[in-house]
PDB file of N, CA and C in Angstrom:
ATOM      1  N   MET A   1     121.541 137.169  84.840  1.00  0.00           N
ATOM      2  CA  MET A   1     120.161 137.438  84.518  1.00  0.00           C
ATOM      3  C   MET A   1     119.265 136.230  84.769  1.00  0.00           C
ATOM      4  N   ALA A   2     119.769 135.060  84.598  1.00  0.00           N
ATOM      5  CA  ALA A   2     118.968 133.854  84.774  1.00  0.00           C
ATOM      6  C   ALA A   2     118.664 133.588  86.242  1.00  0.00           C
ATOM      7  N   LYS A   3     119.405 134.252  87.138  1.00  0.00           N
ATOM      8  CA  LYS A   3     119.209 133.999  88.557  1.00  0.00           C
ATOM      9  C   LYS A   3     117.850 134.489  89.061  1.00  0.00           C
ATOM     10  N   LYS A   4     117.397 135.640  88.606  1.00  0.00           N
ATOM     11  CA  LYS A   4     116.129 136.186  89.090  1.00  0.00           C
ATOM     12  C   LYS A   4     114.944 135.294  88.735  1.00  0.00           C
ATOM     13  N   PRO A   5     114.826 134.822  87.472  1.00  0.00           N
ATOM     14  CA  PRO A   5     113.713 133.910  87.189  1.00  0.00           C
ATOM     15  C   PRO A   5     113.791 132.619  88.004  1.00  0.00           C
ATOM     16  N   ILE A   6     115.008 132.126  88.241  1.00  0.00           N
ATOM     17  CA  ILE A   6     115.167 130.913  89.043  1.00  0.00           C
ATOM     18  C   ILE A   6     114.742 131.180  90.481  1.00  0.00           C
ATOM     19  N   GLU A   7     115.103 132.349  91.018  1.00  0.00           N
ATOM     20  CA  GLU A   7     114.704 132.709  92.372  1.00  0.00           C
ATOM     21  C   GLU A   7     113.189 132.825  92.475  1.00  0.00           C
ATOM     22  N   LYS A   8     112.560 133.414  91.454  1.00  0.00           N
ATOM     23  CA  LYS A   8     111.103 133.542  91.450  1.00  0.00           C
ATOM     24  C   LYS A   8     110.446 132.165  91.423  1.00  0.00           C
ATOM     25  N   VAL A   9     110.983 131.273  90.602  1.00  0.00           N
ATOM     26  CA  VAL A   9     110.436 129.918  90.519  1.00  0.00           C
ATOM     27  C   VAL A   9     110.639 129.202  91.845  1.00  0.00           C
ATOM     28  N   SER A  10     111.812 129.352  92.442  1.00  0.00           N
ATOM     29  CA  SER A  10     112.088 128.718  93.730  1.00  0.00           C
ATOM     30  C   SER A  10     111.130 129.218  94.811  1.00  0.00           C
ATOM     31  N   LYS A  11     110.869 130.524  94.829  1.00  0.00           N
ATOM     32  CA  LYS A  11     109.934 131.087  95.807  1.00  0.00           C
ATOM     33  C   LYS A  11     108.528 130.548  95.564  1.00  0.00           C
ATOM     34  N   LYS A  12     108.131 130.463  94.299  1.00  0.00           N
ATOM     35  CA  LYS A  12     106.796 129.946  93.988  1.00  0.00           C
ATOM     36  C   LYS A  12     106.668 128.487  94.413  1.00  0.00           C
ATOM     37  N   ILE A  13     107.713 127.722  94.188  1.00  0.00           N
ATOM     38  CA  ILE A  13     107.692 126.313  94.593  1.00  0.00           C
ATOM     39  C   ILE A  13     107.609 126.218  96.117  1.00  0.00           C
ATOM     40  N   ALA A  14     108.377 127.040  96.819  1.00  0.00           N
ATOM     41  CA  ALA A  14     108.351 127.031  98.280  1.00  0.00           C
ATOM     42  C   ALA A  14     106.968 127.416  98.802  1.00  0.00           C
ATOM     43  N   ILE A  15     106.377 128.451  98.230  1.00  0.00           N
ATOM     44  CA  ILE A  15     105.045 128.892  98.643  1.00  0.00           C
ATOM     45  C   ILE A  15     104.017 127.798  98.369  1.00  0.00           C
ATOM     46  N   GLN A  16     104.088 127.190  97.204  1.00  0.00           N
ATOM     47  CA  GLN A  16     103.151 126.117  96.862  1.00  0.00           C
ATOM     48  C   GLN A  16     103.317 124.924  97.791  1.00  0.00           C
ATOM     49  N   THR A  17     104.550 124.584  98.121  1.00  0.00           N
ATOM     50  CA  THR A  17     104.815 123.471  99.032  1.00  0.00           C
ATOM     51  C   THR A  17     104.239 123.756 100.411  1.00  0.00           C
ATOM     52  N   LEU A  18     104.450 124.971 100.906  1.00  0.00           N
ATOM     53  CA  LEU A  18     103.886 125.346 102.200  1.00  0.00           C
ATOM     54  C   LEU A  18     102.359 125.308 102.173  1.00  0.00           C
ATOM     55  N   THR A  19     101.776 125.759 101.080  1.00  0.00           N
ATOM     56  CA  THR A  19     100.324 125.723 100.941  1.00  0.00           C
ATOM     57  C   THR A  19      99.811 124.286 100.961  1.00  0.00           C
ATOM     58  N   LEU A  20     100.492 123.409 100.245  1.00  0.00           N
ATOM     59  CA  LEU A  20     100.082 122.002 100.222  1.00  0.00           C
ATOM     60  C   LEU A  20     100.236 121.354 101.587  1.00  0.00           C
ATOM     61  N   LEU A  21     101.322 121.658 102.283  1.00  0.00           N
ATOM     62  CA  LEU A  21     101.525 121.107 103.623  1.00  0.00           C
ATOM     63  C   LEU A  21     100.450 121.592 104.589  1.00  0.00           C
ATOM     64  N   THR A  22     100.140 122.872 104.525  1.00  0.00           N
ATOM     65  CA  THR A  22      99.094 123.435 105.375  1.00  0.00           C
ATOM     66  C   THR A  22      97.752 122.777 105.078  1.00  0.00           C
ATOM     67  N   SER A  23      97.455 122.609 103.806  1.00  0.00           N
ATOM     68  CA  SER A  23      96.201 121.959 103.415  1.00  0.00           C
ATOM     69  C   SER A  23      96.161 120.513 103.904  1.00  0.00           C
ATOM     70  N   SER A  24      97.284 119.834 103.825  1.00  0.00           N
ATOM     71  CA  SER A  24      97.354 118.443 104.276  1.00  0.00           C
ATOM     72  C   SER A  24      97.068 118.337 105.767  1.00  0.00           C
ATOM     73  N   PHE A  25      97.683 119.205 106.550  1.00  0.00           N
ATOM     74  CA  PHE A  25      97.420 119.184 107.986  1.00  0.00           C
ATOM     75  C   PHE A  25      95.972 119.564 108.284  1.00  0.00           C
ATOM     76  N   GLY A  26      95.431 120.478 107.506  1.00  0.00           N
ATOM     77  CA  GLY A  26      94.019 120.838 107.664  1.00  0.00           C
ATOM     78  C   GLY A  26      93.109 119.657 107.387  1.00  0.00           C
ATOM     79  N   LEU A  27      93.435 118.887 106.366  1.00  0.00           N
ATOM     80  CA  LEU A  27      92.645 117.702 106.043  1.00  0.00           C
ATOM     81  C   LEU A  27      92.725 116.677 107.167  1.00  0.00           C
ATOM     82  N   VAL A  28      93.909 116.458 107.701  1.00  0.00           N
ATOM     83  CA  VAL A  28      94.072 115.505 108.801  1.00  0.00           C
ATOM     84  C   VAL A  28      93.252 115.956 110.010  1.00  0.00           C
ATOM     85  N   ALA A  29      93.290 117.246 110.324  1.00  0.00           N
ATOM     86  CA  ALA A  29      92.510 117.773 111.442  1.00  0.00           C
ATOM     87  C   ALA A  29      91.012 117.604 111.177  1.00  0.00           C
ATOM     88  N   ALA A  30      90.585 117.879 109.941  1.00  0.00           N
ATOM     89  CA  ALA A  30      89.169 117.727 109.589  1.00  0.00           C
ATOM     90  C   ALA A  30      88.726 116.275 109.728  1.00  0.00           C
ATOM     91  N   LEU A  31      89.554 115.347 109.303  1.00  0.00           N
ATOM     92  CA  LEU A  31      89.206 113.931 109.432  1.00  0.00           C
ATOM     93  C   LEU A  31      89.136 113.511 110.898  1.00  0.00           C
ATOM     94  N   ALA A  32      90.028 114.037 111.719  1.00  0.00           N
ATOM     95  CA  ALA A  32      89.999 113.730 113.145  1.00  0.00           C
ATOM     96  C   ALA A  32      88.712 114.258 113.786  1.00  0.00           C
ATOM     97  N   TRP A  33      88.350 115.494 113.436  1.00  0.00           N
ATOM     98  CA  TRP A  33      87.101 116.061 113.951  1.00  0.00           C
ATOM     99  C   TRP A  33      85.897 115.281 113.442  1.00  0.00           C
ATOM    100  N   ASN A  34      85.961 114.848 112.191  1.00  0.00           N
ATOM    101  CA  ASN A  34      84.879 114.065 111.621  1.00  0.00           C
ATOM    102  C   ASN A  34      84.641 112.809 112.449  1.00  0.00           C
ATOM    103  N   GLU A  35      85.702 112.103 112.776  1.00  0.00           N
ATOM    104  CA  GLU A  35      85.579 110.883 113.572  1.00  0.00           C
ATOM    105  C   GLU A  35      85.059 111.184 114.975  1.00  0.00           C
ATOM    106  N   ALA A  36      85.561 112.262 115.573  1.00  0.00           N
ATOM    107  CA  ALA A  36      85.130 112.630 116.921  1.00  0.00           C
ATOM    108  C   ALA A  36      83.641 112.981 116.941  1.00  0.00           C
ATOM    109  N   ILE A  37      83.199 113.734 115.973  1.00  0.00           N
ATOM    110  CA  ILE A  37      81.790 114.139 115.921  1.00  0.00           C
ATOM    111  C   ILE A  37      80.897 112.940 115.618  1.00  0.00           C
ATOM    112  N   LYS A  38      81.337 112.050 114.724  1.00  0.00           N
ATOM    113  CA  LYS A  38      80.549 110.847 114.445  1.00  0.00           C
ATOM    114  C   LYS A  38      80.397 109.999 115.707  1.00  0.00           C
ATOM    115  N   GLU A  39      81.464 109.880 116.462  1.00  0.00           N
ATOM    116  CA  GLU A  39      81.397 109.106 117.713  1.00  0.00           C
ATOM    117  C   GLU A  39      80.444 109.772 118.698  1.00  0.00           C
ATOM    118  N   TYR A  40      80.486 111.095 118.765  1.00  0.00           N
ATOM    119  CA  TYR A  40      79.565 111.835 119.640  1.00  0.00           C
ATOM    120  C   TYR A  40      78.121 111.585 119.221  1.00  0.00           C
ATOM    121  N   VAL A  41      77.849 111.666 117.938  1.00  0.00           N
ATOM    122  CA  VAL A  41      76.490 111.417 117.432  1.00  0.00           C
ATOM    123  C   VAL A  41      76.059 110.001 117.776  1.00  0.00           C
ATOM    124  N   ASN A  42      76.927 109.026 117.543  1.00  0.00           N
ATOM    125  CA  ASN A  42      76.588 107.632 117.833  1.00  0.00           C
ATOM    126  C   ASN A  42      76.350 107.395 119.328  1.00  0.00           C
ATOM    127  N   THR A  43      77.104 108.084 120.171  1.00  0.00           N
ATOM    128  CA  THR A  43      77.010 107.863 121.609  1.00  0.00           C
ATOM    129  C   THR A  43      75.864 108.628 122.255  1.00  0.00           C
ATOM    130  N   TYR A  44      75.676 109.903 121.872  1.00  0.00           N
ATOM    131  CA  TYR A  44      74.747 110.753 122.595  1.00  0.00           C
ATOM    132  C   TYR A  44      73.459 111.096 121.852  1.00  0.00           C
ATOM    133  N   ILE A  45      73.441 111.028 120.554  1.00  0.00           N
ATOM    134  CA  ILE A  45      72.250 111.419 119.806  1.00  0.00           C
ATOM    135  C   ILE A  45      71.480 110.199 119.294  1.00  0.00           C
ATOM    136  N   LYS A  46      72.180 109.262 118.738  1.00  0.00           N
ATOM    137  CA  LYS A  46      71.544 108.087 118.146  1.00  0.00           C
ATOM    138  C   LYS A  46      70.652 107.319 119.126  1.00  0.00           C
ATOM    139  N   PRO A  47      71.027 107.183 120.408  1.00  0.00           N
ATOM    140  CA  PRO A  47      70.166 106.435 121.333  1.00  0.00           C
ATOM    141  C   PRO A  47      68.767 107.020 121.526  1.00  0.00           C
ATOM    142  N   TYR A  48      68.591 108.307 121.207  1.00  0.00           N
ATOM    143  CA  TYR A  48      67.280 108.927 121.374  1.00  0.00           C
ATOM    144  C   TYR A  48      66.325 108.629 120.221  1.00  0.00           C
ATOM    145  N   PHE A  49      66.802 107.993 119.188  1.00  0.00           N
ATOM    146  CA  PHE A  49      65.962 107.656 118.046  1.00  0.00           C
ATOM    147  C   PHE A  49      65.731 106.151 118.013  1.00  0.00           C
ATOM    148  N   ALA A  50      64.668 105.767 117.327  1.00  0.00           N
ATOM    149  CA  ALA A  50      64.334 104.349 117.230  1.00  0.00           C
ATOM    150  C   ALA A  50      65.472 103.571 116.579  1.00  0.00           C
ATOM    151  N   HIS A  51      65.539 102.303 116.925  1.00  0.00           N
ATOM    152  CA  HIS A  51      66.572 101.439 116.344  1.00  0.00           C
ATOM    153  C   HIS A  51      66.423 101.415 114.821  1.00  0.00           C
ATOM    154  N   GLY A  52      67.513 101.550 114.116  1.00  0.00           N
ATOM    155  CA  GLY A  52      67.484 101.545 112.655  1.00  0.00           C
ATOM    156  C   GLY A  52      67.279 102.923 112.052  1.00  0.00           C
ATOM    157  N   SER A  53      67.301 103.947 112.886  1.00  0.00           N
ATOM    158  CA  SER A  53      67.121 105.303 112.356  1.00  0.00           C
ATOM    159  C   SER A  53      68.470 105.996 112.196  1.00  0.00           C
ATOM    160  N   GLY A  54      69.451 105.266 111.719  1.00  0.00           N
ATOM    161  CA  GLY A  54      70.773 105.827 111.514  1.00  0.00           C
ATOM    162  C   GLY A  54      70.777 106.967 110.522  1.00  0.00           C
ATOM    163  N   VAL A  55      69.825 106.935 109.594  1.00  0.00           N
ATOM    164  CA  VAL A  55      69.741 107.997 108.589  1.00  0.00           C
ATOM    165  C   VAL A  55      69.413 109.325 109.255  1.00  0.00           C
ATOM    166  N   ILE A  56      68.519 109.311 110.223  1.00  0.00           N
ATOM    167  CA  ILE A  56      68.143 110.550 110.913  1.00  0.00           C
ATOM    168  C   ILE A  56      69.359 111.125 111.641  1.00  0.00           C
ATOM    169  N   SER A  57      70.081 110.284 112.345  1.00  0.00           N
ATOM    170  CA  SER A  57      71.249 110.799 113.072  1.00  0.00           C
ATOM    171  C   SER A  57      72.315 111.306 112.112  1.00  0.00           C
ATOM    172  N   MET A  58      72.442 110.684 110.939  1.00  0.00           N
ATOM    173  CA  MET A  58      73.418 111.170 109.960  1.00  0.00           C
ATOM    174  C   MET A  58      73.000 112.520 109.385  1.00  0.00           C
ATOM    175  N   PHE A  59      71.675 112.740 109.201  1.00  0.00           N
ATOM    176  CA  PHE A  59      71.216 114.048 108.739  1.00  0.00           C
ATOM    177  C   PHE A  59      71.460 115.116 109.807  1.00  0.00           C
ATOM    178  N   ILE A  60      71.237 114.752 111.059  1.00  0.00           N
ATOM    179  CA  ILE A  60      71.523 115.695 112.145  1.00  0.00           C
ATOM    180  C   ILE A  60      73.004 116.041 112.147  1.00  0.00           C
ATOM    181  N   TYR A  61      73.829 115.038 111.969  1.00  0.00           N
ATOM    182  CA  TYR A  61      75.282 115.239 111.893  1.00  0.00           C
ATOM    183  C   TYR A  61      75.633 116.164 110.727  1.00  0.00           C
ATOM    184  N   ALA A  62      75.065 115.887 109.550  1.00  0.00           N
ATOM    185  CA  ALA A  62      75.372 116.693 108.358  1.00  0.00           C
ATOM    186  C   ALA A  62      74.921 118.141 108.531  1.00  0.00           C
ATOM    187  N   VAL A  63      73.723 118.346 109.077  1.00  0.00           N
ATOM    188  CA  VAL A  63      73.219 119.705 109.284  1.00  0.00           C
ATOM    189  C   VAL A  63      74.089 120.430 110.310  1.00  0.00           C
ATOM    190  N   GLY A  64      74.426 119.743 111.389  1.00  0.00           N
ATOM    191  CA  GLY A  64      75.276 120.357 112.413  1.00  0.00           C
ATOM    192  C   GLY A  64      76.626 120.771 111.862  1.00  0.00           C
ATOM    193  N   ILE A  65      77.250 119.893 111.107  1.00  0.00           N
ATOM    194  CA  ILE A  65      78.555 120.205 110.509  1.00  0.00           C
ATOM    195  C   ILE A  65      78.438 121.362 109.533  1.00  0.00           C
ATOM    196  N   THR A  66      77.370 121.382 108.757  1.00  0.00           N
ATOM    197  CA  THR A  66      77.176 122.472 107.790  1.00  0.00           C
ATOM    198  C   THR A  66      77.048 123.804 108.511  1.00  0.00           C
ATOM    199  N   ILE A  67      76.262 123.847 109.569  1.00  0.00           N
ATOM    200  CA  ILE A  67      76.093 125.089 110.329  1.00  0.00           C
ATOM    201  C   ILE A  67      77.430 125.549 110.920  1.00  0.00           C
ATOM    202  N   ILE A  68      78.147 124.622 111.524  1.00  0.00           N
ATOM    203  CA  ILE A  68      79.451 124.957 112.110  1.00  0.00           C
ATOM    204  C   ILE A  68      80.414 125.456 111.037  1.00  0.00           C
ATOM    205  N   THR A  69      80.425 124.797 109.882  1.00  0.00           N
ATOM    206  CA  THR A  69      81.316 125.196 108.787  1.00  0.00           C
ATOM    207  C   THR A  69      80.992 126.592 108.286  1.00  0.00           C
ATOM    208  N   VAL A  70      79.712 126.906 108.140  1.00  0.00           N
ATOM    209  CA  VAL A  70      79.313 128.240 107.676  1.00  0.00           C
ATOM    210  C   VAL A  70      79.752 129.304 108.676  1.00  0.00           C
ATOM    211  N   ILE A  71      79.535 129.055 109.949  1.00  0.00           N
ATOM    212  CA  ILE A  71      79.918 130.025 110.975  1.00  0.00           C
ATOM    213  C   ILE A  71      81.430 130.240 110.992  1.00  0.00           C
ATOM    214  N   ILE A  72      82.180 129.155 110.953  1.00  0.00           N
ATOM    215  CA  ILE A  72      83.644 129.272 110.968  1.00  0.00           C
ATOM    216  C   ILE A  72      84.146 129.976 109.715  1.00  0.00           C
ATOM    217  N   THR A  73      83.572 129.658 108.557  1.00  0.00           N
ATOM    218  CA  THR A  73      83.980 130.306 107.308  1.00  0.00           C
ATOM    219  C   THR A  73      83.717 131.800 107.357  1.00  0.00           C
ATOM    220  N   MET A  74      82.566 132.188 107.893  1.00  0.00           N
ATOM    221  CA  MET A  74      82.255 133.611 108.011  1.00  0.00           C
ATOM    222  C   MET A  74      83.261 134.312 108.926  1.00  0.00           C
ATOM    223  N   GLN A  75      83.611 133.680 110.032  1.00  0.00           N
ATOM    224  CA  GLN A  75      84.578 134.276 110.955  1.00  0.00           C
ATOM    225  C   GLN A  75      85.967 134.388 110.318  1.00  0.00           C
ATOM    226  N   LEU A  76      86.365 133.347 109.605  1.00  0.00           N
ATOM    227  CA  LEU A  76      87.667 133.393 108.929  1.00  0.00           C
ATOM    228  C   LEU A  76      87.704 134.466 107.854  1.00  0.00           C
ATOM    229  N   ASN A  77      86.595 134.674 107.152  1.00  0.00           N
ATOM    230  CA  ASN A  77      86.535 135.746 106.151  1.00  0.00           C
ATOM    231  C   ASN A  77      86.678 137.113 106.811  1.00  0.00           C
ATOM    232  N   ARG A  78      86.072 137.296 107.973  1.00  0.00           N
ATOM    233  CA  ARG A  78      86.215 138.564 108.701  1.00  0.00           C
ATOM    234  C   ARG A  78      87.672 138.802 109.089  1.00  0.00           C
ATOM    235  N   VAL A  79      88.302 137.763 109.606  1.00  0.00           N
ATOM    236  CA  VAL A  79      89.708 137.877 109.999  1.00  0.00           C
ATOM    237  C   VAL A  79      90.562 138.199 108.770  1.00  0.00           C
ATOM    238  N   SER A  80      90.292 137.529 107.675  1.00  0.00           N
ATOM    239  CA  SER A  80      91.050 137.746 106.441  1.00  0.00           C
ATOM    240  C   SER A  80      90.911 139.187 105.966  1.00  0.00           C
ATOM    241  N   ARG A  81      89.700 139.737 106.026  1.00  0.00           N
ATOM    242  CA  ARG A  81      89.498 141.135 105.608  1.00  0.00           C
ATOM    243  C   ARG A  81      90.240 142.099 106.513  1.00  0.00           C
ATOM    244  N   LYS A  82      90.259 141.810 107.822  1.00  0.00           N
ATOM    245  CA  LYS A  82      90.989 142.682 108.753  1.00  0.00           C
ATOM    246  C   LYS A  82      92.488 142.627 108.491  1.00  0.00           C
ATOM    247  N   ILE A  83      92.989 141.454 108.162  1.00  0.00           N
ATOM    248  CA  ILE A  83      94.420 141.310 107.878  1.00  0.00           C
ATOM    249  C   ILE A  83      94.788 142.065 106.610  1.00  0.00           C
ATOM    250  N   GLU A  84      93.910 142.039 105.610  1.00  0.00           N
ATOM    251  CA  GLU A  84      94.189 142.706 104.342  1.00  0.00           C
ATOM    252  C   GLU A  84      94.236 144.226 104.480  1.00  0.00           C
ATOM    253  N   LYS A  85      93.546 144.774 105.469  1.00  0.00           N
ATOM    254  CA  LYS A  85      93.506 146.238 105.662  1.00  0.00           C
ATOM    255  C   LYS A  85      94.784 146.785 106.175  1.00  0.00           C
TER     256      LYS A  85
END
């Protein structure tokens, strides 16, 4: 009888571990994209603004990332709903 609760706990631990690993890789990918986008902003956008206007380019970066994140989140929610059906 004790085997079933142990199996359930083992499955929960395995699922949680996989979730944490997936999240970790997602974080690493997000940080890599963050660096790539910051470099793009510094190279291609920042030169069009006056010297010392780093704040403006950072706001452009933040707004751009926010828009991209909203669009991707909406698409992922659509995919998730289709999978659930």
